[in-house]
Amino acid sequence: MTTRVGQGLLIVYTGNGKGKTTAALGLLWRALGAGLRVCVIQFVKSERGRWGETLLAERLGVEWHAMGRGFVCDPAHQAEDAGLAREGWALAREKISSRDYDVVLLDEFTYPLAFGWLDREQVVGWLMTERPRSVHVVITGRSAPAELIAAADLVTEMVAIKHPYDAGIRAQAGIEF
């Protein structure tokens, strides 16, 4: 079954609660099941990461790019992290513009915007004027900037109410990664 995209949406999953990437991946698997072509670009996770979602993506033949060093907040590496974010954004523009994909997930993309590694106005401007109208773009991460929220067609905020980590339960395979 192949379903063609009509109007591409700009979708943002943000907030301090768990589930942003999980929701985006659920949407991605749904799109894949509907015959849409999908691509994932992660902006923080390391390319060395072997998570449940990356393993499944390999099995399904989903194009997946991890463009970060991992969740490290080391000021000594900030220039490197900013450079990786710029490389990731260049790759994202290339994949979105190619029209080879119906859905492109920019996972943890709000962080380079929040940290000032990418210019918010330029990014949102490009998404609004240069993105092919048929391509859905899904963005995840905490602290989505107001410009992005205003431009998006759909925004969901994940709210933290209770998390097992608060009770001393460590992250578990298949649940958090």
N, C-alpha and C. Protein backbone atom coordinates (compact mmCIF):
# COMPACT_ATOMS: atom_id res chain seq x y z
N MET A 1 0.85 -1.18 0.00
CA MET A 1 0.00 0.00 0.00
C MET A 1 0.89 1.24 0.00
N THR A 2 0.71 2.11 -0.96
CA THR A 2 1.46 3.35 -1.02
C THR A 2 0.49 4.51 -0.97
N THR A 3 0.69 5.37 0.00
CA THR A 3 -0.13 6.56 0.16
C THR A 3 0.75 7.76 -0.11
N ARG A 4 0.35 8.63 -0.98
CA ARG A 4 1.12 9.83 -1.26
C ARG A 4 0.74 10.92 -0.28
N VAL A 5 1.71 11.71 0.05
CA VAL A 5 1.51 12.82 0.97
C VAL A 5 0.79 13.94 0.24
N GLY A 6 -0.19 14.55 0.89
CA GLY A 6 -0.83 15.73 0.34
C GLY A 6 -0.08 16.95 0.82
N GLN A 7 -0.55 17.54 1.90
CA GLN A 7 0.09 18.70 2.50
C GLN A 7 1.05 18.24 3.58
N GLY A 8 2.32 18.48 3.39
CA GLY A 8 3.31 18.12 4.41
C GLY A 8 3.12 18.98 5.64
N LEU A 9 3.23 18.38 6.79
CA LEU A 9 3.06 19.08 8.06
C LEU A 9 4.40 19.29 8.76
N LEU A 10 4.48 20.36 9.52
CA LEU A 10 5.60 20.59 10.43
C LEU A 10 5.08 20.23 11.81
N ILE A 11 5.65 19.16 12.40
CA ILE A 11 5.16 18.60 13.65
C ILE A 11 6.26 18.72 14.70
N VAL A 12 5.89 19.17 15.90
CA VAL A 12 6.86 19.35 16.98
C VAL A 12 6.37 18.61 18.22
N TYR A 13 7.23 17.76 18.76
CA TYR A 13 7.00 17.12 20.06
C TYR A 13 8.03 17.71 21.02
N THR A 14 7.58 18.41 22.05
CA THR A 14 8.47 19.09 22.96
C THR A 14 8.01 18.89 24.40
N GLY A 15 8.70 19.50 25.34
CA GLY A 15 8.33 19.43 26.75
C GLY A 15 9.33 18.63 27.57
N ASN A 16 9.15 18.68 28.89
CA ASN A 16 10.08 18.02 29.81
C ASN A 16 9.72 16.56 30.08
N GLY A 17 8.57 16.12 29.63
CA GLY A 17 8.16 14.74 29.88
C GLY A 17 8.78 13.75 28.91
N LYS A 18 8.80 12.49 29.31
CA LYS A 18 9.29 11.42 28.46
C LYS A 18 8.30 11.17 27.33
N GLY A 19 8.81 10.80 26.18
CA GLY A 19 7.93 10.35 25.11
C GLY A 19 8.02 11.11 23.81
N LYS A 20 8.88 12.09 23.71
CA LYS A 20 8.97 12.88 22.48
C LYS A 20 9.47 12.03 21.31
N THR A 21 10.61 11.40 21.51
CA THR A 21 11.14 10.54 20.45
C THR A 21 10.24 9.32 20.25
N THR A 22 9.72 8.79 21.33
CA THR A 22 8.82 7.64 21.23
C THR A 22 7.60 7.97 20.37
N ALA A 23 6.99 9.13 20.59
CA ALA A 23 5.84 9.54 19.78
C ALA A 23 6.24 9.72 18.32
N ALA A 24 7.40 10.36 18.10
CA ALA A 24 7.85 10.59 16.73
C ALA A 24 8.13 9.27 16.02
N LEU A 25 8.71 8.30 16.73
CA LEU A 25 8.97 7.00 16.12
C LEU A 25 7.68 6.25 15.85
N GLY A 26 6.70 6.38 16.73
CA GLY A 26 5.39 5.78 16.45
C GLY A 26 4.80 6.33 15.17
N LEU A 27 4.90 7.63 14.99
CA LEU A 27 4.42 8.26 13.75
C LEU A 27 5.22 7.75 12.55
N LEU A 28 6.54 7.62 12.74
CA LEU A 28 7.41 7.15 11.66
C LEU A 28 7.05 5.72 11.25
N TRP A 29 6.85 4.83 12.24
CA TRP A 29 6.49 3.44 11.91
C TRP A 29 5.12 3.40 11.23
N ARG A 30 4.18 4.25 11.67
CA ARG A 30 2.87 4.33 11.01
C ARG A 30 3.04 4.76 9.55
N ALA A 31 3.85 5.78 9.32
CA ALA A 31 4.09 6.27 7.96
C ALA A 31 4.72 5.17 7.10
N LEU A 32 5.69 4.48 7.66
CA LEU A 32 6.36 3.40 6.94
C LEU A 32 5.34 2.32 6.58
N GLY A 33 4.47 1.98 7.51
CA GLY A 33 3.43 0.98 7.25
C GLY A 33 2.45 1.41 6.17
N ALA A 34 2.27 2.73 6.02
CA ALA A 34 1.37 3.26 4.99
C ALA A 34 2.07 3.42 3.65
N GLY A 35 3.33 3.00 3.58
CA GLY A 35 4.04 3.07 2.32
C GLY A 35 4.81 4.36 2.09
N LEU A 36 4.90 5.20 3.12
CA LEU A 36 5.64 6.44 2.97
C LEU A 36 7.14 6.18 3.15
N ARG A 37 7.93 7.02 2.53
CA ARG A 37 9.39 6.91 2.61
C ARG A 37 9.86 7.79 3.76
N VAL A 38 10.69 7.22 4.65
CA VAL A 38 11.07 7.92 5.87
C VAL A 38 12.59 7.99 6.03
N CYS A 39 13.03 9.02 6.77
CA CYS A 39 14.44 9.21 7.08
C CYS A 39 14.53 9.82 8.47
N VAL A 40 15.56 9.43 9.23
CA VAL A 40 15.78 9.94 10.58
C VAL A 40 17.16 10.58 10.66
N ILE A 41 17.20 11.78 11.24
CA ILE A 41 18.46 12.44 11.55
C ILE A 41 18.41 12.82 13.02
N GLN A 42 19.35 12.28 13.80
CA GLN A 42 19.41 12.58 15.22
C GLN A 42 20.53 13.60 15.45
N PHE A 43 20.25 14.59 16.28
CA PHE A 43 21.18 15.70 16.47
C PHE A 43 21.99 15.64 17.74
N VAL A 44 21.77 14.70 18.61
CA VAL A 44 22.56 14.62 19.84
C VAL A 44 23.15 13.23 20.00
N LYS A 45 22.37 12.20 19.76
CA LYS A 45 22.83 10.83 20.01
C LYS A 45 24.04 10.49 19.14
N SER A 46 24.91 9.69 19.70
CA SER A 46 26.14 9.29 19.05
C SER A 46 25.87 8.22 17.99
N GLU A 47 26.65 8.27 16.93
CA GLU A 47 26.52 7.26 15.88
C GLU A 47 26.91 5.87 16.38
N ARG A 48 27.59 5.81 17.52
CA ARG A 48 27.99 4.51 18.09
C ARG A 48 26.85 3.86 18.88
N GLY A 49 25.78 4.60 19.13
CA GLY A 49 24.68 4.09 19.92
C GLY A 49 23.96 2.95 19.22
N ARG A 50 23.66 1.92 19.95
CA ARG A 50 22.93 0.76 19.43
C ARG A 50 21.68 0.61 20.26
N TRP A 51 20.66 1.40 19.96
CA TRP A 51 19.42 1.41 20.72
C TRP A 51 18.40 0.52 20.02
N GLY A 52 17.33 0.20 20.71
CA GLY A 52 16.28 -0.62 20.11
C GLY A 52 15.76 -0.04 18.81
N GLU A 53 15.57 1.28 18.77
CA GLU A 53 15.03 1.90 17.56
C GLU A 53 16.01 1.86 16.40
N THR A 54 17.32 1.99 16.69
CA THR A 54 18.29 1.94 15.59
C THR A 54 18.41 0.52 15.04
N LEU A 55 18.33 -0.46 15.94
CA LEU A 55 18.40 -1.85 15.50
C LEU A 55 17.19 -2.21 14.62
N LEU A 56 16.00 -1.76 15.02
CA LEU A 56 14.81 -2.02 14.20
C LEU A 56 14.91 -1.28 12.86
N ALA A 57 15.38 -0.04 12.89
CA ALA A 57 15.52 0.72 11.65
C ALA A 57 16.43 0.00 10.66
N GLU A 58 17.52 -0.57 11.16
CA GLU A 58 18.42 -1.35 10.29
C GLU A 58 17.67 -2.52 9.66
N ARG A 59 16.91 -3.24 10.47
CA ARG A 59 16.16 -4.39 9.95
C ARG A 59 15.13 -3.99 8.90
N LEU A 60 14.55 -2.80 9.09
CA LEU A 60 13.52 -2.33 8.16
C LEU A 60 14.08 -1.55 6.97
N GLY A 61 15.38 -1.29 6.99
CA GLY A 61 15.99 -0.54 5.90
C GLY A 61 15.71 0.95 5.95
N VAL A 62 15.46 1.49 7.14
CA VAL A 62 15.20 2.92 7.30
C VAL A 62 16.52 3.67 7.33
N GLU A 63 16.61 4.71 6.53
CA GLU A 63 17.83 5.54 6.53
C GLU A 63 17.89 6.30 7.85
N TRP A 64 19.03 6.18 8.55
CA TRP A 64 19.17 6.70 9.91
C TRP A 64 20.55 7.34 10.05
N HIS A 65 20.59 8.58 10.50
CA HIS A 65 21.85 9.30 10.69
C HIS A 65 21.91 9.82 12.12
N ALA A 66 22.94 9.45 12.86
CA ALA A 66 23.18 10.01 14.19
C ALA A 66 24.35 10.99 14.05
N MET A 67 24.10 12.25 14.35
CA MET A 67 25.05 13.32 14.05
C MET A 67 25.70 13.93 15.29
N GLY A 68 25.55 13.32 16.45
CA GLY A 68 26.08 13.92 17.66
C GLY A 68 27.14 13.08 18.33
N ARG A 69 27.56 13.54 19.52
CA ARG A 69 28.54 12.84 20.33
C ARG A 69 27.90 12.16 21.52
N GLY A 70 26.60 12.35 21.69
CA GLY A 70 25.91 11.82 22.86
C GLY A 70 25.54 12.95 23.79
N PHE A 71 24.83 12.64 24.85
CA PHE A 71 24.36 13.65 25.81
C PHE A 71 25.52 14.06 26.71
N VAL A 72 26.39 14.89 26.19
CA VAL A 72 27.54 15.39 26.94
C VAL A 72 27.49 16.91 26.91
N CYS A 73 27.54 17.51 28.07
CA CYS A 73 27.53 18.97 28.17
C CYS A 73 28.89 19.45 28.63
N ASP A 74 29.88 19.23 27.81
CA ASP A 74 31.25 19.60 28.14
C ASP A 74 31.60 20.86 27.35
N PRO A 75 31.81 21.98 28.05
CA PRO A 75 32.15 23.24 27.36
C PRO A 75 33.37 23.12 26.45
N ALA A 76 34.28 22.21 26.78
CA ALA A 76 35.48 22.04 25.96
C ALA A 76 35.16 21.50 24.57
N HIS A 77 34.00 20.87 24.41
CA HIS A 77 33.62 20.28 23.13
C HIS A 77 32.48 21.04 22.45
N GLN A 78 32.14 22.20 22.96
CA GLN A 78 31.00 22.94 22.43
C GLN A 78 31.18 23.30 20.95
N ALA A 79 32.38 23.69 20.55
CA ALA A 79 32.62 24.03 19.15
C ALA A 79 32.42 22.81 18.26
N GLU A 80 32.88 21.65 18.73
CA GLU A 80 32.69 20.41 17.97
C GLU A 80 31.21 20.06 17.87
N ASP A 81 30.49 20.18 18.98
CA ASP A 81 29.05 19.89 18.98
C ASP A 81 28.31 20.83 18.03
N ALA A 82 28.67 22.11 18.05
CA ALA A 82 28.04 23.08 17.15
C ALA A 82 28.33 22.73 15.69
N GLY A 83 29.55 22.30 15.42
CA GLY A 83 29.90 21.89 14.06
C GLY A 83 29.11 20.68 13.60
N LEU A 84 28.95 19.71 14.50
CA LEU A 84 28.14 18.53 14.17
C LEU A 84 26.69 18.92 13.92
N ALA A 85 26.18 19.87 14.69
CA ALA A 85 24.80 20.33 14.48
C ALA A 85 24.67 20.99 13.11
N ARG A 86 25.65 21.80 12.72
CA ARG A 86 25.60 22.43 11.39
C ARG A 86 25.66 21.39 10.29
N GLU A 87 26.50 20.35 10.47
CA GLU A 87 26.55 19.26 9.49
C GLU A 87 25.21 18.54 9.42
N GLY A 88 24.62 18.29 10.58
CA GLY A 88 23.31 17.63 10.62
C GLY A 88 22.24 18.45 9.93
N TRP A 89 22.25 19.76 10.15
CA TRP A 89 21.25 20.63 9.51
C TRP A 89 21.46 20.67 8.01
N ALA A 90 22.70 20.68 7.54
CA ALA A 90 22.96 20.63 6.09
C ALA A 90 22.43 19.32 5.51
N LEU A 91 22.65 18.21 6.21
CA LEU A 91 22.14 16.92 5.77
C LEU A 91 20.62 16.92 5.77
N ALA A 92 20.02 17.49 6.80
CA ALA A 92 18.55 17.55 6.88
C ALA A 92 17.98 18.33 5.69
N ARG A 93 18.56 19.48 5.39
CA ARG A 93 18.08 20.27 4.25
C ARG A 93 18.20 19.47 2.95
N GLU A 94 19.31 18.75 2.82
CA GLU A 94 19.52 17.93 1.62
C GLU A 94 18.45 16.84 1.52
N LYS A 95 18.20 16.12 2.61
CA LYS A 95 17.23 15.02 2.58
C LYS A 95 15.81 15.54 2.36
N ILE A 96 15.47 16.65 3.01
CA ILE A 96 14.13 17.22 2.85
C ILE A 96 13.94 17.73 1.43
N SER A 97 14.92 18.44 0.91
CA SER A 97 14.82 19.02 -0.43
C SER A 97 14.82 17.98 -1.54
N SER A 98 15.40 16.82 -1.29
CA SER A 98 15.54 15.78 -2.32
C SER A 98 14.20 15.25 -2.80
N ARG A 99 13.19 15.37 -1.97
CA ARG A 99 11.87 14.78 -2.23
C ARG A 99 11.93 13.25 -2.32
N ASP A 100 13.03 12.67 -1.82
CA ASP A 100 13.16 11.21 -1.76
C ASP A 100 12.42 10.64 -0.56
N TYR A 101 11.97 11.52 0.36
CA TYR A 101 11.32 11.10 1.59
C TYR A 101 10.01 11.85 1.76
N ASP A 102 9.05 11.16 2.33
CA ASP A 102 7.76 11.78 2.65
C ASP A 102 7.75 12.32 4.07
N VAL A 103 8.53 11.66 4.97
CA VAL A 103 8.61 12.06 6.37
C VAL A 103 10.09 12.08 6.77
N VAL A 104 10.53 13.21 7.31
CA VAL A 104 11.90 13.32 7.82
C VAL A 104 11.80 13.71 9.29
N LEU A 105 12.37 12.86 10.15
CA LEU A 105 12.39 13.09 11.58
C LEU A 105 13.71 13.74 11.97
N LEU A 106 13.64 14.92 12.59
CA LEU A 106 14.81 15.61 13.12
C LEU A 106 14.76 15.47 14.63
N ASP A 107 15.33 14.38 15.12
CA ASP A 107 15.25 14.02 16.53
C ASP A 107 16.23 14.85 17.34
N GLU A 108 15.75 15.41 18.45
CA GLU A 108 16.55 16.24 19.36
C GLU A 108 17.05 17.51 18.67
N PHE A 109 16.31 17.97 17.69
CA PHE A 109 16.70 19.14 16.91
C PHE A 109 16.50 20.46 17.66
N THR A 110 15.68 20.45 18.70
CA THR A 110 15.48 21.70 19.44
C THR A 110 16.73 22.11 20.21
N TYR A 111 17.60 21.15 20.54
CA TYR A 111 18.79 21.47 21.33
C TYR A 111 19.76 22.38 20.58
N PRO A 112 20.12 22.08 19.33
CA PRO A 112 21.00 23.01 18.61
C PRO A 112 20.39 24.41 18.46
N LEU A 113 19.06 24.48 18.41
CA LEU A 113 18.40 25.78 18.35
C LEU A 113 18.49 26.48 19.69
N ALA A 114 18.22 25.75 20.77
CA ALA A 114 18.24 26.34 22.11
C ALA A 114 19.65 26.76 22.53
N PHE A 115 20.66 26.00 22.10
CA PHE A 115 22.05 26.29 22.48
C PHE A 115 22.68 27.35 21.60
N GLY A 116 21.96 27.80 20.57
CA GLY A 116 22.50 28.83 19.68
C GLY A 116 23.48 28.29 18.64
N TRP A 117 23.52 26.98 18.45
CA TRP A 117 24.42 26.39 17.46
C TRP A 117 23.90 26.61 16.05
N LEU A 118 22.59 26.81 15.93
CA LEU A 118 21.95 27.12 14.65
C LEU A 118 21.11 28.37 14.85
N ASP A 119 20.98 29.17 13.81
CA ASP A 119 20.17 30.38 13.88
C ASP A 119 18.69 30.01 13.76
N ARG A 120 17.93 30.29 14.81
CA ARG A 120 16.51 29.90 14.86
C ARG A 120 15.72 30.49 13.70
N GLU A 121 15.89 31.77 13.46
CA GLU A 121 15.12 32.44 12.40
C GLU A 121 15.44 31.86 11.03
N GLN A 122 16.72 31.58 10.77
CA GLN A 122 17.09 30.99 9.49
C GLN A 122 16.50 29.59 9.34
N VAL A 123 16.57 28.79 10.39
CA VAL A 123 16.04 27.42 10.34
C VAL A 123 14.53 27.45 10.09
N VAL A 124 13.81 28.22 10.91
CA VAL A 124 12.35 28.27 10.76
C VAL A 124 11.99 28.88 9.40
N GLY A 125 12.72 29.91 8.99
CA GLY A 125 12.47 30.50 7.67
C GLY A 125 12.64 29.49 6.56
N TRP A 126 13.69 28.68 6.63
CA TRP A 126 13.91 27.66 5.62
C TRP A 126 12.78 26.63 5.63
N LEU A 127 12.40 26.19 6.81
CA LEU A 127 11.33 25.20 6.91
C LEU A 127 10.02 25.73 6.33
N MET A 128 9.78 27.02 6.48
CA MET A 128 8.53 27.61 6.01
C MET A 128 8.55 27.97 4.53
N THR A 129 9.72 28.30 3.98
CA THR A 129 9.76 28.77 2.59
C THR A 129 10.44 27.81 1.62
N GLU A 130 11.38 27.02 2.08
CA GLU A 130 12.15 26.16 1.18
C GLU A 130 11.74 24.69 1.22
N ARG A 131 11.16 24.26 2.33
CA ARG A 131 10.76 22.85 2.46
C ARG A 131 9.68 22.54 1.43
N PRO A 132 9.88 21.47 0.65
CA PRO A 132 8.82 21.08 -0.28
C PRO A 132 7.51 20.86 0.48
N ARG A 133 6.44 21.37 -0.02
CA ARG A 133 5.14 21.32 0.66
C ARG A 133 4.62 19.91 0.87
N SER A 134 5.19 18.93 0.17
CA SER A 134 4.71 17.56 0.31
C SER A 134 5.44 16.78 1.40
N VAL A 135 6.47 17.36 2.01
CA VAL A 135 7.30 16.63 2.97
C VAL A 135 6.88 16.98 4.40
N HIS A 136 6.57 15.94 5.17
CA HIS A 136 6.31 16.10 6.60
C HIS A 136 7.67 16.17 7.31
N VAL A 137 7.83 17.13 8.22
CA VAL A 137 9.03 17.21 9.05
C VAL A 137 8.58 17.13 10.49
N VAL A 138 9.19 16.20 11.23
CA VAL A 138 8.87 15.98 12.64
C VAL A 138 10.10 16.36 13.45
N ILE A 139 9.93 17.24 14.43
CA ILE A 139 11.03 17.73 15.25
C ILE A 139 10.75 17.38 16.70
N THR A 140 11.77 16.88 17.40
CA THR A 140 11.62 16.55 18.81
C THR A 140 12.66 17.30 19.65
N GLY A 141 12.39 17.39 20.94
CA GLY A 141 13.34 17.93 21.90
C GLY A 141 12.69 18.90 22.86
N ARG A 142 13.32 19.08 24.00
CA ARG A 142 12.84 20.02 25.01
C ARG A 142 13.04 21.44 24.53
N SER A 143 12.31 22.34 25.16
CA SER A 143 12.50 23.79 24.97
C SER A 143 12.43 24.23 23.52
N ALA A 144 11.41 23.77 22.80
CA ALA A 144 11.23 24.23 21.42
C ALA A 144 11.07 25.75 21.43
N PRO A 145 11.81 26.45 20.58
CA PRO A 145 11.72 27.91 20.57
C PRO A 145 10.36 28.39 20.08
N ALA A 146 9.98 29.56 20.54
CA ALA A 146 8.67 30.14 20.19
C ALA A 146 8.48 30.25 18.68
N GLU A 147 9.55 30.59 17.96
CA GLU A 147 9.45 30.72 16.49
C GLU A 147 9.03 29.40 15.85
N LEU A 148 9.59 28.31 16.35
CA LEU A 148 9.27 27.00 15.82
C LEU A 148 7.84 26.61 16.16
N ILE A 149 7.44 26.86 17.39
CA ILE A 149 6.07 26.54 17.82
C ILE A 149 5.06 27.32 16.99
N ALA A 150 5.34 28.59 16.75
CA ALA A 150 4.42 29.42 15.97
C ALA A 150 4.30 28.92 14.53
N ALA A 151 5.40 28.42 13.98
CA ALA A 151 5.40 27.98 12.58
C ALA A 151 4.80 26.59 12.39
N ALA A 152 4.80 25.78 13.43
CA ALA A 152 4.38 24.38 13.31
C ALA A 152 2.89 24.25 13.06
N ASP A 153 2.54 23.15 12.39
CA ASP A 153 1.13 22.81 12.17
C ASP A 153 0.56 22.04 13.34
N LEU A 154 1.41 21.27 14.03
CA LEU A 154 0.98 20.45 15.15
C LEU A 154 2.08 20.50 16.20
N VAL A 155 1.72 20.83 17.43
CA VAL A 155 2.67 20.86 18.53
C VAL A 155 2.07 20.09 19.70
N THR A 156 2.84 19.15 20.22
CA THR A 156 2.43 18.42 21.41
C THR A 156 3.50 18.62 22.47
N GLU A 157 3.06 18.98 23.68
CA GLU A 157 3.99 19.15 24.78
C GLU A 157 3.85 17.96 25.73
N MET A 158 4.95 17.27 25.96
CA MET A 158 4.98 16.17 26.90
C MET A 158 5.24 16.75 28.29
N VAL A 159 4.37 16.45 29.23
CA VAL A 159 4.47 16.98 30.57
C VAL A 159 4.90 15.87 31.53
N ALA A 160 5.94 16.13 32.29
CA ALA A 160 6.42 15.15 33.26
C ALA A 160 5.51 15.18 34.49
N ILE A 161 4.86 14.06 34.78
CA ILE A 161 4.03 13.93 35.97
C ILE A 161 4.69 12.98 36.96
N LYS A 162 5.17 11.85 36.45
CA LYS A 162 5.82 10.86 37.29
C LYS A 162 6.75 10.05 36.39
N HIS A 163 7.93 9.72 36.91
CA HIS A 163 8.90 8.94 36.13
C HIS A 163 9.59 7.96 37.07
N PRO A 164 9.83 6.73 36.64
CA PRO A 164 10.46 5.74 37.53
C PRO A 164 11.87 6.15 37.97
N TYR A 165 12.55 6.96 37.19
CA TYR A 165 13.89 7.41 37.58
C TYR A 165 13.84 8.17 38.91
N ASP A 166 12.76 8.90 39.13
CA ASP A 166 12.60 9.65 40.38
C ASP A 166 12.53 8.72 41.60
N ALA A 167 12.16 7.45 41.37
CA ALA A 167 12.09 6.46 42.45
C ALA A 167 13.34 5.59 42.48
N GLY A 168 14.37 5.99 41.72
CA GLY A 168 15.62 5.25 41.71
C GLY A 168 15.68 4.10 40.73
N ILE A 169 14.71 3.99 39.85
CA ILE A 169 14.70 2.91 38.85
C ILE A 169 15.44 3.40 37.61
N ARG A 170 16.49 2.68 37.25
CA ARG A 170 17.33 3.08 36.11
C ARG A 170 16.61 2.85 34.79
N ALA A 171 17.10 3.51 33.74
CA ALA A 171 16.57 3.36 32.39
C ALA A 171 16.64 1.88 31.97
N GLN A 172 15.61 1.44 31.26
CA GLN A 172 15.50 0.04 30.88
C GLN A 172 15.43 -0.10 29.36
N ALA A 173 16.13 -1.12 28.85
CA ALA A 173 16.08 -1.42 27.42
C ALA A 173 14.64 -1.69 27.01
N GLY A 174 14.28 -1.16 25.88
CA GLY A 174 12.93 -1.35 25.36
C GLY A 174 11.93 -0.35 25.90
N ILE A 175 12.29 0.39 26.93
CA ILE A 175 11.41 1.42 27.49
C ILE A 175 12.01 2.80 27.25
N GLU A 176 13.23 3.01 27.73
CA GLU A 176 13.88 4.32 27.52
C GLU A 176 14.86 4.31 26.34
N PHE A 177 15.34 3.17 25.98
CA PHE A 177 16.30 3.11 24.86
C PHE A 177 16.17 1.80 24.13
